[in-house]
Amino acid sequence: LSQLQVINPKLIVTLGSASLSYLLEKKNISITKMRGEIIHW
């Protein structure tokens, strides 16, 4: 979070389901279903 606050990116590209699950606060995320979609965070 500190890194993001300094860098201030417009987009996070999550690689794999672990980082995506954590950031979205959802378990059992299917990367196959969610990949390629822009999600407002």
Full PDB file with SEQRES, HELIX, SHEET, SSBOND, CRYST1, ORIGX, SCALE, CONECT and MASTER records, all heavy atoms in Angstrom:
SEQRES   1 A   41  LEU SER GLN LEU GLN VAL ILE ASN PRO LYS LEU ILE VAL          
SEQRES   2 A   41  THR LEU GLY SER ALA SER LEU SER TYR LEU LEU GLU LYS          
SEQRES   3 A   41  LYS ASN ILE SER ILE THR LYS MET ARG GLY GLU ILE ILE          
SEQRES   4 A   41  HIS TRP                                                      
HELIX    1 AA1 SER A    2  ILE A    7  1                                   6    
HELIX    2 AA2 SER A   17  LEU A   24  1                                   8    
HELIX    3 AA3 ILE A   31  MET A   34  1                                   4    
CRYST1    1.000    1.000    1.000  90.00  90.00  90.00 P 1           1          
ORIGX1      1.000000  0.000000  0.000000        0.00000                         
ORIGX2      0.000000  1.000000  0.000000        0.00000                         
ORIGX3      0.000000  0.000000  1.000000        0.00000                         
SCALE1      1.000000  0.000000  0.000000        0.00000                         
SCALE2      0.000000  1.000000  0.000000        0.00000                         
SCALE3      0.000000  0.000000  1.000000        0.00000                         
ATOM      1  N   LEU A   1       0.833  -1.202   0.000  1.00  0.00           N  
ATOM      2  CA  LEU A   1       0.000   0.000   0.000  1.00  0.00           C  
ATOM      3  C   LEU A   1       0.873   1.261   0.000  1.00  0.00           C  
ATOM      4  O   LEU A   1       0.613   2.205  -0.741  1.00  0.00           O  
ATOM      5  CB  LEU A   1      -0.934  -0.015   1.214  1.00  0.00           C  
ATOM      6  CG  LEU A   1      -2.084   0.982   1.193  1.00  0.00           C  
ATOM      7  CD1 LEU A   1      -2.917   0.865  -0.071  1.00  0.00           C  
ATOM      8  CD2 LEU A   1      -2.959   0.807   2.423  1.00  0.00           C  
ATOM      9  N   SER A   2       1.942   1.245   0.795  1.00  0.00           N  
ATOM     10  CA  SER A   2       2.879   2.387   0.817  1.00  0.00           C  
ATOM     11  C   SER A   2       3.512   2.585  -0.556  1.00  0.00           C  
ATOM     12  O   SER A   2       3.645   3.719  -1.035  1.00  0.00           O  
ATOM     13  CB  SER A   2       3.981   2.163   1.852  1.00  0.00           C  
ATOM     14  OG  SER A   2       3.428   2.095   3.134  1.00  0.00           O  
ATOM     15  N   GLN A   3       3.917   1.479  -1.199  1.00  0.00           N  
ATOM     16  CA  GLN A   3       4.503   1.582  -2.536  1.00  0.00           C  
ATOM     17  C   GLN A   3       3.498   2.192  -3.517  1.00  0.00           C  
ATOM     18  O   GLN A   3       3.847   3.068  -4.311  1.00  0.00           O  
ATOM     19  CB  GLN A   3       4.936   0.186  -3.030  1.00  0.00           C  
ATOM     20  CG  GLN A   3       6.145  -0.364  -2.303  1.00  0.00           C  
ATOM     21  CD  GLN A   3       6.418  -1.818  -2.675  1.00  0.00           C  
ATOM     22  OE1 GLN A   3       5.528  -2.657  -2.687  1.00  0.00           O  
ATOM     23  NE2 GLN A   3       7.675  -2.114  -2.984  1.00  0.00           N  
ATOM     24  N   LEU A   4       2.254   1.737  -3.427  1.00  0.00           N  
ATOM     25  CA  LEU A   4       1.219   2.260  -4.327  1.00  0.00           C  
ATOM     26  C   LEU A   4       0.963   3.743  -4.078  1.00  0.00           C  
ATOM     27  O   LEU A   4       0.747   4.507  -5.015  1.00  0.00           O  
ATOM     28  CB  LEU A   4      -0.080   1.457  -4.170  1.00  0.00           C  
ATOM     29  CG  LEU A   4      -0.031  -0.010  -4.610  1.00  0.00           C  
ATOM     30  CD1 LEU A   4      -1.332  -0.721  -4.247  1.00  0.00           C  
ATOM     31  CD2 LEU A   4       0.259  -0.146  -6.104  1.00  0.00           C  
ATOM     32  N   GLN A   5       1.013   4.146  -2.813  1.00  0.00           N  
ATOM     33  CA  GLN A   5       0.789   5.560  -2.500  1.00  0.00           C  
ATOM     34  C   GLN A   5       1.895   6.436  -3.087  1.00  0.00           C  
ATOM     35  O   GLN A   5       1.635   7.546  -3.543  1.00  0.00           O  
ATOM     36  CB  GLN A   5       0.680   5.755  -0.987  1.00  0.00           C  
ATOM     37  CG  GLN A   5      -0.653   5.247  -0.446  1.00  0.00           C  
ATOM     38  CD  GLN A   5      -0.680   5.166   1.069  1.00  0.00           C  
ATOM     39  OE1 GLN A   5       0.343   4.997   1.734  1.00  0.00           O  
ATOM     40  NE2 GLN A   5      -1.868   5.271   1.630  1.00  0.00           N  
ATOM     41  N   VAL A   6       3.117   5.939  -3.091  1.00  0.00           N  
ATOM     42  CA  VAL A   6       4.235   6.714  -3.646  1.00  0.00           C  
ATOM     43  C   VAL A   6       4.177   6.716  -5.178  1.00  0.00           C  
ATOM     44  O   VAL A   6       4.305   7.757  -5.817  1.00  0.00           O  
ATOM     45  CB  VAL A   6       5.598   6.148  -3.154  1.00  0.00           C  
ATOM     46  CG1 VAL A   6       6.752   6.826  -3.880  1.00  0.00           C  
ATOM     47  CG2 VAL A   6       5.734   6.324  -1.645  1.00  0.00           C  
ATOM     48  N   ILE A   7       3.983   5.528  -5.769  1.00  0.00           N  
ATOM     49  CA  ILE A   7       4.003   5.405  -7.231  1.00  0.00           C  
ATOM     50  C   ILE A   7       2.744   6.023  -7.845  1.00  0.00           C  
ATOM     51  O   ILE A   7       2.797   6.615  -8.921  1.00  0.00           O  
ATOM     52  CB  ILE A   7       4.167   3.919  -7.641  1.00  0.00           C  
ATOM     53  CG1 ILE A   7       5.519   3.385  -7.118  1.00  0.00           C  
ATOM     54  CG2 ILE A   7       4.070   3.739  -9.162  1.00  0.00           C  
ATOM     55  CD1 ILE A   7       5.648   1.875  -7.164  1.00  0.00           C  
ATOM     56  N   ASN A   8       1.618   5.853  -7.155  1.00  0.00           N  
ATOM     57  CA  ASN A   8       0.337   6.400  -7.604  1.00  0.00           C  
ATOM     58  C   ASN A   8      -0.028   5.933  -9.022  1.00  0.00           C  
ATOM     59  O   ASN A   8      -0.276   6.736  -9.918  1.00  0.00           O  
ATOM     60  CB  ASN A   8       0.358   7.929  -7.529  1.00  0.00           C  
ATOM     61  CG  ASN A   8      -1.029   8.514  -7.649  1.00  0.00           C  
ATOM     62  OD1 ASN A   8      -2.011   7.850  -7.359  1.00  0.00           O  
ATOM     63  ND2 ASN A   8      -1.115   9.743  -8.113  1.00  0.00           N  
ATOM     64  N   PRO A   9      -0.074   4.582  -9.233  1.00  0.00           N  
ATOM     65  CA  PRO A   9      -0.385   4.078 -10.573  1.00  0.00           C  
ATOM     66  C   PRO A   9      -1.865   4.245 -10.900  1.00  0.00           C  
ATOM     67  O   PRO A   9      -2.694   4.464 -10.011  1.00  0.00           O  
ATOM     68  CB  PRO A   9      -0.039   2.591 -10.464  1.00  0.00           C  
ATOM     69  CG  PRO A   9      -0.362   2.259  -9.038  1.00  0.00           C  
ATOM     70  CD  PRO A   9       0.038   3.496  -8.253  1.00  0.00           C  
ATOM     71  N   LYS A  10      -2.179   4.116 -12.176  1.00  0.00           N  
ATOM     72  CA  LYS A  10      -3.582   4.118 -12.608  1.00  0.00           C  
ATOM     73  C   LYS A  10      -4.116   2.687 -12.655  1.00  0.00           C  
ATOM     74  O   LYS A  10      -5.306   2.456 -12.576  1.00  0.00           O  
ATOM     75  CB  LYS A  10      -3.689   4.724 -14.011  1.00  0.00           C  
ATOM     76  CG  LYS A  10      -3.155   6.139 -14.118  1.00  0.00           C  
ATOM     77  CD  LYS A  10      -4.272   7.102 -14.437  1.00  0.00           C  
ATOM     78  CE  LYS A  10      -3.863   8.502 -14.736  1.00  0.00           C  
ATOM     79  NZ  LYS A  10      -2.958   9.131 -13.825  1.00  0.00           N  
ATOM     80  N   LEU A  11      -3.177   1.711 -12.806  1.00  0.00           N  
ATOM     81  CA  LEU A  11      -3.579   0.323 -13.008  1.00  0.00           C  
ATOM     82  C   LEU A  11      -2.638  -0.621 -12.278  1.00  0.00           C  
ATOM     83  O   LEU A  11      -1.417  -0.449 -12.327  1.00  0.00           O  
ATOM     84  CB  LEU A  11      -3.548  -0.004 -14.511  1.00  0.00           C  
ATOM     85  CG  LEU A  11      -4.106  -1.352 -14.937  1.00  0.00           C  
ATOM     86  CD1 LEU A  11      -5.631  -1.367 -14.849  1.00  0.00           C  
ATOM     87  CD2 LEU A  11      -3.688  -1.682 -16.376  1.00  0.00           C  
ATOM     88  N   ILE A  12      -3.236  -1.624 -11.610  1.00  0.00           N  
ATOM     89  CA  ILE A  12      -2.472  -2.741 -11.050  1.00  0.00           C  
ATOM     90  C   ILE A  12      -2.778  -3.948 -11.916  1.00  0.00           C  
ATOM     91  O   ILE A  12      -3.956  -4.299 -12.102  1.00  0.00           O  
ATOM     92  CB  ILE A  12      -2.890  -3.046  -9.594  1.00  0.00           C  
ATOM     93  CG1 ILE A  12      -2.531  -1.895  -8.663  1.00  0.00           C  
ATOM     94  CG2 ILE A  12      -2.247  -4.348  -9.113  1.00  0.00           C  
ATOM     95  CD1 ILE A  12      -3.119  -2.050  -7.259  1.00  0.00           C  
ATOM     96  N   VAL A  13      -1.743  -4.571 -12.463  1.00  0.00           N  
ATOM     97  CA  VAL A  13      -1.915  -5.834 -13.173  1.00  0.00           C  
ATOM     98  C   VAL A  13      -1.575  -6.932 -12.172  1.00  0.00           C  
ATOM     99  O   VAL A  13      -0.416  -7.075 -11.770  1.00  0.00           O  
ATOM    100  CB  VAL A  13      -1.003  -5.929 -14.417  1.00  0.00           C  
ATOM    101  CG1 VAL A  13      -1.152  -7.291 -15.088  1.00  0.00           C  
ATOM    102  CG2 VAL A  13      -1.314  -4.814 -15.404  1.00  0.00           C  
ATOM    103  N   THR A  14      -2.612  -7.669 -11.726  1.00  0.00           N  
ATOM    104  CA  THR A  14      -2.347  -8.769 -10.800  1.00  0.00           C  
ATOM    105  C   THR A  14      -1.962  -9.992 -11.622  1.00  0.00           C  
ATOM    106  O   THR A  14      -2.584 -10.286 -12.649  1.00  0.00           O  
ATOM    107  CB  THR A  14      -3.577  -9.093  -9.924  1.00  0.00           C  
ATOM    108  OG1 THR A  14      -4.704  -9.335 -10.768  1.00  0.00           O  
ATOM    109  CG2 THR A  14      -3.885  -7.962  -8.959  1.00  0.00           C  
ATOM    110  N   LEU A  15      -0.929 -10.683 -11.174  1.00  0.00           N  
ATOM    111  CA  LEU A  15      -0.455 -11.892 -11.851  1.00  0.00           C  
ATOM    112  C   LEU A  15      -0.838 -13.091 -10.983  1.00  0.00           C  
ATOM    113  O   LEU A  15      -0.308 -13.264  -9.882  1.00  0.00           O  
ATOM    114  CB  LEU A  15       1.052 -11.824 -12.062  1.00  0.00           C  
ATOM    115  CG  LEU A  15       1.528 -10.671 -12.963  1.00  0.00           C  
ATOM    116  CD1 LEU A  15       3.035 -10.514 -12.900  1.00  0.00           C  
ATOM    117  CD2 LEU A  15       1.064 -10.881 -14.400  1.00  0.00           C  
ATOM    118  N   GLY A  16      -1.804 -13.876 -11.441  1.00  0.00           N  
ATOM    119  CA  GLY A  16      -2.286 -15.013 -10.664  1.00  0.00           C  
ATOM    120  C   GLY A  16      -3.426 -14.625  -9.738  1.00  0.00           C  
ATOM    121  O   GLY A  16      -3.797 -13.454  -9.631  1.00  0.00           O  
ATOM    122  N   SER A  17      -3.962 -15.638  -9.049  1.00  0.00           N  
ATOM    123  CA  SER A  17      -5.166 -15.394  -8.249  1.00  0.00           C  
ATOM    124  C   SER A  17      -4.877 -14.931  -6.824  1.00  0.00           C  
ATOM    125  O   SER A  17      -5.728 -14.299  -6.209  1.00  0.00           O  
ATOM    126  CB  SER A  17      -6.048 -16.640  -8.225  1.00  0.00           C  
ATOM    127  OG  SER A  17      -5.327 -17.727  -7.706  1.00  0.00           O  
ATOM    128  N   ALA A  18      -3.690 -15.204  -6.266  1.00  0.00           N  
ATOM    129  CA  ALA A  18      -3.441 -14.861  -4.852  1.00  0.00           C  
ATOM    130  C   ALA A  18      -3.510 -13.350  -4.624  1.00  0.00           C  
ATOM    131  O   ALA A  18      -4.229 -12.887  -3.727  1.00  0.00           O  
ATOM    132  CB  ALA A  18      -2.091 -15.406  -4.389  1.00  0.00           C  
ATOM    133  N   SER A  19      -2.787 -12.580  -5.438  1.00  0.00           N  
ATOM    134  CA  SER A  19      -2.802 -11.129  -5.235  1.00  0.00           C  
ATOM    135  C   SER A  19      -4.184 -10.557  -5.563  1.00  0.00           C  
ATOM    136  O   SER A  19      -4.680  -9.666  -4.871  1.00  0.00           O  
ATOM    137  CB  SER A  19      -1.711 -10.435  -6.065  1.00  0.00           C  
ATOM    138  OG  SER A  19      -1.791 -10.791  -7.421  1.00  0.00           O  
ATOM    139  N   LEU A  20      -4.847 -11.107  -6.583  1.00  0.00           N  
ATOM    140  CA  LEU A  20      -6.188 -10.637  -6.945  1.00  0.00           C  
ATOM    141  C   LEU A  20      -7.175 -10.908  -5.807  1.00  0.00           C  
ATOM    142  O   LEU A  20      -7.938 -10.026  -5.415  1.00  0.00           O  
ATOM    143  CB  LEU A  20      -6.645 -11.329  -8.230  1.00  0.00           C  
ATOM    144  CG  LEU A  20      -8.040 -10.942  -8.736  1.00  0.00           C  
ATOM    145  CD1 LEU A  20      -8.096  -9.463  -9.122  1.00  0.00           C  
ATOM    146  CD2 LEU A  20      -8.443 -11.817  -9.920  1.00  0.00           C  
ATOM    147  N   SER A  21      -7.150 -12.135  -5.276  1.00  0.00           N  
ATOM    148  CA  SER A  21      -8.051 -12.506  -4.169  1.00  0.00           C  
ATOM    149  C   SER A  21      -7.861 -11.577  -2.979  1.00  0.00           C  
ATOM    150  O   SER A  21      -8.830 -11.117  -2.385  1.00  0.00           O  
ATOM    151  CB  SER A  21      -7.780 -13.933  -3.682  1.00  0.00           C  
ATOM    152  OG  SER A  21      -8.024 -14.848  -4.687  1.00  0.00           O  
ATOM    153  N   TYR A  22      -6.594 -11.328  -2.657  1.00  0.00           N  
ATOM    154  CA  TYR A  22      -6.330 -10.490  -1.485  1.00  0.00           C  
ATOM    155  C   TYR A  22      -6.829  -9.062  -1.715  1.00  0.00           C  
ATOM    156  O   TYR A  22      -7.519  -8.492  -0.865  1.00  0.00           O  
ATOM    157  CB  TYR A  22      -4.843 -10.487  -1.103  1.00  0.00           C  
ATOM    158  CG  TYR A  22      -4.656  -9.709   0.166  1.00  0.00           C  
ATOM    159  CD1 TYR A  22      -4.898 -10.309   1.398  1.00  0.00           C  
ATOM    160  CD2 TYR A  22      -4.345  -8.356   0.139  1.00  0.00           C  
ATOM    161  CE1 TYR A  22      -4.816  -9.575   2.570  1.00  0.00           C  
ATOM    162  CE2 TYR A  22      -4.267  -7.618   1.307  1.00  0.00           C  
ATOM    163  CZ  TYR A  22      -4.496  -8.244   2.522  1.00  0.00           C  
ATOM    164  OH  TYR A  22      -4.435  -7.503   3.681  1.00  0.00           O  
ATOM    165  N   LEU A  23      -6.486  -8.481  -2.852  1.00  0.00           N  
ATOM    166  CA  LEU A  23      -6.865  -7.092  -3.113  1.00  0.00           C  
ATOM    167  C   LEU A  23      -8.383  -6.919  -3.196  1.00  0.00           C  
ATOM    168  O   LEU A  23      -8.919  -5.905  -2.775  1.00  0.00           O  
ATOM    169  CB  LEU A  23      -6.208  -6.578  -4.397  1.00  0.00           C  
ATOM    170  CG  LEU A  23      -4.678  -6.435  -4.347  1.00  0.00           C  
ATOM    171  CD1 LEU A  23      -4.138  -5.988  -5.702  1.00  0.00           C  
ATOM    172  CD2 LEU A  23      -4.235  -5.474  -3.261  1.00  0.00           C  
ATOM    173  N   LEU A  24      -9.073  -7.929  -3.730  1.00  0.00           N  
ATOM    174  CA  LEU A  24     -10.534  -7.830  -3.850  1.00  0.00           C  
ATOM    175  C   LEU A  24     -11.259  -8.361  -2.612  1.00  0.00           C  
ATOM    176  O   LEU A  24     -12.487  -8.327  -2.547  1.00  0.00           O  
ATOM    177  CB  LEU A  24     -11.026  -8.579  -5.099  1.00  0.00           C  
ATOM    178  CG  LEU A  24     -10.561  -8.033  -6.440  1.00  0.00           C  
ATOM    179  CD1 LEU A  24     -11.199  -8.823  -7.583  1.00  0.00           C  
ATOM    180  CD2 LEU A  24     -10.875  -6.547  -6.588  1.00  0.00           C  
ATOM    181  N   GLU A  25     -10.463  -8.895  -1.660  1.00  0.00           N  
ATOM    182  CA  GLU A  25     -11.028  -9.468  -0.425  1.00  0.00           C  
ATOM    183  C   GLU A  25     -12.064 -10.544  -0.737  1.00  0.00           C  
ATOM    184  O   GLU A  25     -13.151 -10.584  -0.168  1.00  0.00           O  
ATOM    185  CB  GLU A  25     -11.636  -8.359   0.447  1.00  0.00           C  
ATOM    186  CG  GLU A  25     -10.602  -7.320   0.868  1.00  0.00           C  
ATOM    187  CD  GLU A  25     -11.210  -6.114   1.570  1.00  0.00           C  
ATOM    188  OE1 GLU A  25     -12.253  -6.264   2.237  1.00  0.00           O  
ATOM    189  OE2 GLU A  25     -10.638  -5.018   1.445  1.00  0.00           O  
ATOM    190  N   LYS A  26     -11.714 -11.417  -1.677  1.00  0.00           N  
ATOM    191  CA  LYS A  26     -12.603 -12.529  -2.053  1.00  0.00           C  
ATOM    192  C   LYS A  26     -11.780 -13.801  -2.129  1.00  0.00           C  
ATOM    193  O   LYS A  26     -10.699 -13.806  -2.714  1.00  0.00           O  
ATOM    194  CB  LYS A  26     -13.225 -12.288  -3.429  1.00  0.00           C  
ATOM    195  CG  LYS A  26     -14.239 -11.181  -3.471  1.00  0.00           C  
ATOM    196  CD  LYS A  26     -14.820 -11.058  -4.863  1.00  0.00           C  
ATOM    197  CE  LYS A  26     -15.820  -9.919  -4.909  1.00  0.00           C  
ATOM    198  NZ  LYS A  26     -16.203  -9.558  -6.260  1.00  0.00           N  
ATOM    199  N   LYS A  27     -12.332 -14.882  -1.576  1.00  0.00           N  
ATOM    200  CA  LYS A  27     -11.639 -16.169  -1.665  1.00  0.00           C  
ATOM    201  C   LYS A  27     -12.117 -16.919  -2.910  1.00  0.00           C  
ATOM    202  O   LYS A  27     -13.165 -16.620  -3.462  1.00  0.00           O  
ATOM    203  CB  LYS A  27     -11.921 -16.997  -0.415  1.00  0.00           C  
ATOM    204  CG  LYS A  27     -11.211 -16.421   0.807  1.00  0.00           C  
ATOM    205  CD  LYS A  27     -11.285 -17.353   1.975  1.00  0.00           C  
ATOM    206  CE  LYS A  27     -10.389 -16.783   3.080  1.00  0.00           C  
ATOM    207  NZ  LYS A  27     -10.857 -17.046   4.385  1.00  0.00           N  
ATOM    208  N   ASN A  28     -11.350 -17.932  -3.288  1.00  0.00           N  
ATOM    209  CA  ASN A  28     -11.712 -18.825  -4.402  1.00  0.00           C  
ATOM    210  C   ASN A  28     -12.035 -18.077  -5.695  1.00  0.00           C  
ATOM    211  O   ASN A  28     -13.001 -18.394  -6.384  1.00  0.00           O  
ATOM    212  CB  ASN A  28     -12.901 -19.723  -4.015  1.00  0.00           C  
ATOM    213  CG  ASN A  28     -12.633 -20.472  -2.734  1.00  0.00           C  
ATOM    214  OD1 ASN A  28     -11.512 -20.931  -2.518  1.00  0.00           O  
ATOM    215  ND2 ASN A  28     -13.623 -20.577  -1.885  1.00  0.00           N  
ATOM    216  N   ILE A  29     -11.232 -17.101  -6.008  1.00  0.00           N  
ATOM    217  CA  ILE A  29     -11.411 -16.353  -7.258  1.00  0.00           C  
ATOM    218  C   ILE A  29     -10.932 -17.212  -8.423  1.00  0.00           C  
ATOM    219  O   ILE A  29      -9.895 -17.872  -8.327  1.00  0.00           O  
ATOM    220  CB  ILE A  29     -10.629 -15.020  -7.188  1.00  0.00           C  
ATOM    221  CG1 ILE A  29     -11.503 -13.989  -6.480  1.00  0.00           C  
ATOM    222  CG2 ILE A  29     -10.204 -14.531  -8.552  1.00  0.00           C  
ATOM    223  CD1 ILE A  29     -10.911 -12.616  -6.397  1.00  0.00           C  
ATOM    224  N   SER A  30     -11.673 -17.194  -9.510  1.00  0.00           N  
ATOM    225  CA  SER A  30     -11.239 -17.895 -10.718  1.00  0.00           C  
ATOM    226  C   SER A  30     -10.556 -16.888 -11.643  1.00  0.00           C  
ATOM    227  O   SER A  30     -11.209 -16.022 -12.217  1.00  0.00           O  
ATOM    228  CB  SER A  30     -12.445 -18.519 -11.425  1.00  0.00           C  
ATOM    229  OG  SER A  30     -12.065 -18.884 -12.729  1.00  0.00           O  
ATOM    230  N   ILE A  31      -9.248 -17.029 -11.757  1.00  0.00           N  
ATOM    231  CA  ILE A  31      -8.481 -16.122 -12.613  1.00  0.00           C  
ATOM    232  C   ILE A  31      -8.939 -16.294 -14.071  1.00  0.00           C  
ATOM    233  O   ILE A  31      -8.972 -15.349 -14.846  1.00  0.00           O  
ATOM    234  CB  ILE A  31      -6.952 -16.329 -12.445  1.00  0.00           C  
ATOM    235  CG1 ILE A  31      -6.162 -15.186 -13.082  1.00  0.00           C  
ATOM    236  CG2 ILE A  31      -6.484 -17.653 -12.979  1.00  0.00           C  
ATOM    237  CD1 ILE A  31      -6.145 -13.916 -12.317  1.00  0.00           C  
ATOM    238  N   THR A  32      -9.335 -17.523 -14.423  1.00  0.00           N  
ATOM    239  CA  THR A  32      -9.790 -17.797 -15.791  1.00  0.00           C  
ATOM    240  C   THR A  32     -11.028 -16.960 -16.125  1.00  0.00           C  
ATOM    241  O   THR A  32     -11.162 -16.463 -17.235  1.00  0.00           O  
ATOM    242  CB  THR A  32     -10.103 -19.303 -15.962  1.00  0.00           C  
ATOM    243  OG1 THR A  32      -8.968 -20.034 -15.506  1.00  0.00           O  
ATOM    244  CG2 THR A  32     -10.370 -19.666 -17.401  1.00  0.00           C  
ATOM    245  N   LYS A  33     -11.920 -16.788 -15.149  1.00  0.00           N  
ATOM    246  CA  LYS A  33     -13.144 -16.008 -15.390  1.00  0.00           C  
ATOM    247  C   LYS A  33     -12.889 -14.508 -15.315  1.00  0.00           C  
ATOM    248  O   LYS A  33     -13.565 -13.730 -15.970  1.00  0.00           O  
ATOM    249  CB  LYS A  33     -14.209 -16.380 -14.354  1.00  0.00           C  
ATOM    250  CG  LYS A  33     -14.787 -17.757 -14.583  1.00  0.00           C  
ATOM    251  CD  LYS A  33     -15.990 -17.993 -13.705  1.00  0.00           C  
ATOM    252  CE  LYS A  33     -16.524 -19.394 -13.930  1.00  0.00           C  
ATOM    253  NZ  LYS A  33     -16.755 -20.115 -12.699  1.00  0.00           N  
ATOM    254  N   MET A  34     -11.912 -14.095 -14.498  1.00  0.00           N  
ATOM    255  CA  MET A  34     -11.737 -12.658 -14.236  1.00  0.00           C  
ATOM    256  C   MET A  34     -10.640 -11.995 -15.051  1.00  0.00           C  
ATOM    257  O   MET A  34     -10.590 -10.787 -15.141  1.00  0.00           O  
ATOM    258  CB  MET A  34     -11.504 -12.432 -12.745  1.00  0.00           C  
ATOM    259  CG  MET A  34     -12.713 -12.861 -11.923  1.00  0.00           C  
ATOM    260  SD  MET A  34     -12.594 -12.360 -10.212  1.00  0.00           S  
ATOM    261  CE  MET A  34     -12.977 -10.617 -10.343  1.00  0.00           C  
ATOM    262  N   ARG A  35      -9.759 -12.797 -15.637  1.00  0.00           N  
ATOM    263  CA  ARG A  35      -8.634 -12.208 -16.368  1.00  0.00           C  
ATOM    264  C   ARG A  35      -9.142 -11.355 -17.530  1.00  0.00           C  
ATOM    265  O   ARG A  35     -10.200 -11.610 -18.082  1.00  0.00           O  
ATOM    266  CB  ARG A  35      -7.660 -13.284 -16.880  1.00  0.00           C  
ATOM    267  CG  ARG A  35      -8.335 -14.348 -17.726  1.00  0.00           C  
ATOM    268  CD  ARG A  35      -7.699 -14.634 -19.038  1.00  0.00           C  
ATOM    269  NE  ARG A  35      -7.733 -13.606 -20.014  1.00  0.00           N  
ATOM    270  CZ  ARG A  35      -8.723 -13.367 -20.879  1.00  0.00           C  
ATOM    271  NH1 ARG A  35      -9.848 -14.055 -20.848  1.00  0.00           N  
ATOM    272  NH2 ARG A  35      -8.600 -12.418 -21.783  1.00  0.00           N  
ATOM    273  N   GLY A  36      -8.376 -10.311 -17.819  1.00  0.00           N  
ATOM    274  CA  GLY A  36      -8.702  -9.484 -18.965  1.00  0.00           C  
ATOM    275  C   GLY A  36      -9.812  -8.479 -18.730  1.00  0.00           C  
ATOM    276  O   GLY A  36     -10.207  -7.778 -19.651  1.00  0.00           O  
ATOM    277  N   GLU A  37     -10.330  -8.409 -17.508  1.00  0.00           N  
ATOM    278  CA  GLU A  37     -11.387  -7.437 -17.196  1.00  0.00           C  
ATOM    279  C   GLU A  37     -10.818  -6.304 -16.354  1.00  0.00           C  
ATOM    280  O   GLU A  37     -10.004  -6.542 -15.465  1.00  0.00           O  
ATOM    281  CB  GLU A  37     -12.499  -8.113 -16.378  1.00  0.00           C  
ATOM    282  CG  GLU A  37     -13.415  -8.979 -17.186  1.00  0.00           C  
ATOM    283  CD  GLU A  37     -14.550  -9.529 -16.323  1.00  0.00           C  
ATOM    284  OE1 GLU A  37     -15.077  -8.777 -15.476  1.00  0.00           O  
ATOM    285  OE2 GLU A  37     -14.871 -10.717 -16.502  1.00  0.00           O  
ATOM    286  N   ILE A  38     -11.280  -5.103 -16.598  1.00  0.00           N  
ATOM    287  CA  ILE A  38     -10.870  -3.988 -15.748  1.00  0.00           C  
ATOM    288  C   ILE A  38     -11.823  -3.930 -14.563  1.00  0.00           C  
ATOM    289  O   ILE A  38     -13.043  -3.892 -14.740  1.00  0.00           O  
ATOM    290  CB  ILE A  38     -10.855  -2.667 -16.535  1.00  0.00           C  
ATOM    291  CG1 ILE A  38      -9.733  -2.719 -17.577  1.00  0.00           C  
ATOM    292  CG2 ILE A  38     -10.685  -1.482 -15.590  1.00  0.00           C  
ATOM    293  CD1 ILE A  38      -9.640  -1.510 -18.457  1.00  0.00           C  
ATOM    294  N   ILE A  39     -11.256  -3.967 -13.367  1.00  0.00           N  
ATOM    295  CA  ILE A  39     -12.053  -3.933 -12.140  1.00  0.00           C  
ATOM    296  C   ILE A  39     -11.720  -2.637 -11.408  1.00  0.00           C  
ATOM    297  O   ILE A  39     -10.550  -2.360 -11.129  1.00  0.00           O  
ATOM    298  CB  ILE A  39     -11.696  -5.147 -11.243  1.00  0.00           C  
ATOM    299  CG1 ILE A  39     -11.949  -6.456 -11.990  1.00  0.00           C  
ATOM    300  CG2 ILE A  39     -12.485  -5.096  -9.935  1.00  0.00           C  
ATOM    301  CD1 ILE A  39     -11.148  -7.627 -11.472  1.00  0.00           C  
ATOM    302  N   HIS A  40     -12.737  -1.843 -11.135  1.00  0.00           N  
ATOM    303  CA  HIS A  40     -12.504  -0.603 -10.381  1.00  0.00           C  
ATOM    304  C   HIS A  40     -12.213  -0.993  -8.932  1.00  0.00           C  
ATOM    305  O   HIS A  40     -13.000  -1.687  -8.312  1.00  0.00           O  
ATOM    306  CB  HIS A  40     -13.714   0.333 -10.473  1.00  0.00           C  
ATOM    307  CG  HIS A  40     -13.997   0.746 -11.883  1.00  0.00           C  
ATOM    308  ND1 HIS A  40     -13.087   1.448 -12.653  1.00  0.00           N  
ATOM    309  CD2 HIS A  40     -15.062   0.527 -12.687  1.00  0.00           C  
ATOM    310  CE1 HIS A  40     -13.597   1.644 -13.858  1.00  0.00           C  
ATOM    311  NE2 HIS A  40     -14.787   1.098 -13.907  1.00  0.00           N  
ATOM    312  N   TRP A  41     -11.097  -0.542  -8.425  1.00  0.00           N  
ATOM    313  CA  TRP A  41     -10.673  -0.904  -7.066  1.00  0.00           C  
ATOM    314  C   TRP A  41     -10.876   0.294  -6.163  1.00  0.00           C  
ATOM    315  O   TRP A  41     -11.964   0.798  -6.031  1.00  0.00           O  
ATOM    316  CB  TRP A  41      -9.225  -1.414  -7.110  1.00  0.00           C  
ATOM    317  CG  TRP A  41      -8.729  -2.012  -5.822  1.00  0.00           C  
ATOM    318  CD1 TRP A  41      -9.344  -2.978  -5.079  1.00  0.00           C  
ATOM    319  CD2 TRP A  41      -7.519  -1.681  -5.135  1.00  0.00           C  
ATOM    320  NE1 TRP A  41      -8.579  -3.270  -3.980  1.00  0.00           N  
ATOM    321  CE2 TRP A  41      -7.462  -2.494  -3.982  1.00  0.00           C  
ATOM    322  CE3 TRP A  41      -6.484  -0.783  -5.380  1.00  0.00           C  
ATOM    323  CZ2 TRP A  41      -6.405  -2.437  -3.082  1.00  0.00           C  
ATOM    324  CZ3 TRP A  41      -5.428  -0.733  -4.490  1.00  0.00           C  
ATOM    325  CH2 TRP A  41      -5.393  -1.552  -3.351  1.00  0.00           C  
TER     326      TRP A  41                                                      
MASTER        0    0    0    3    0    0    0    6  325    1    0    4          
END                                                                             
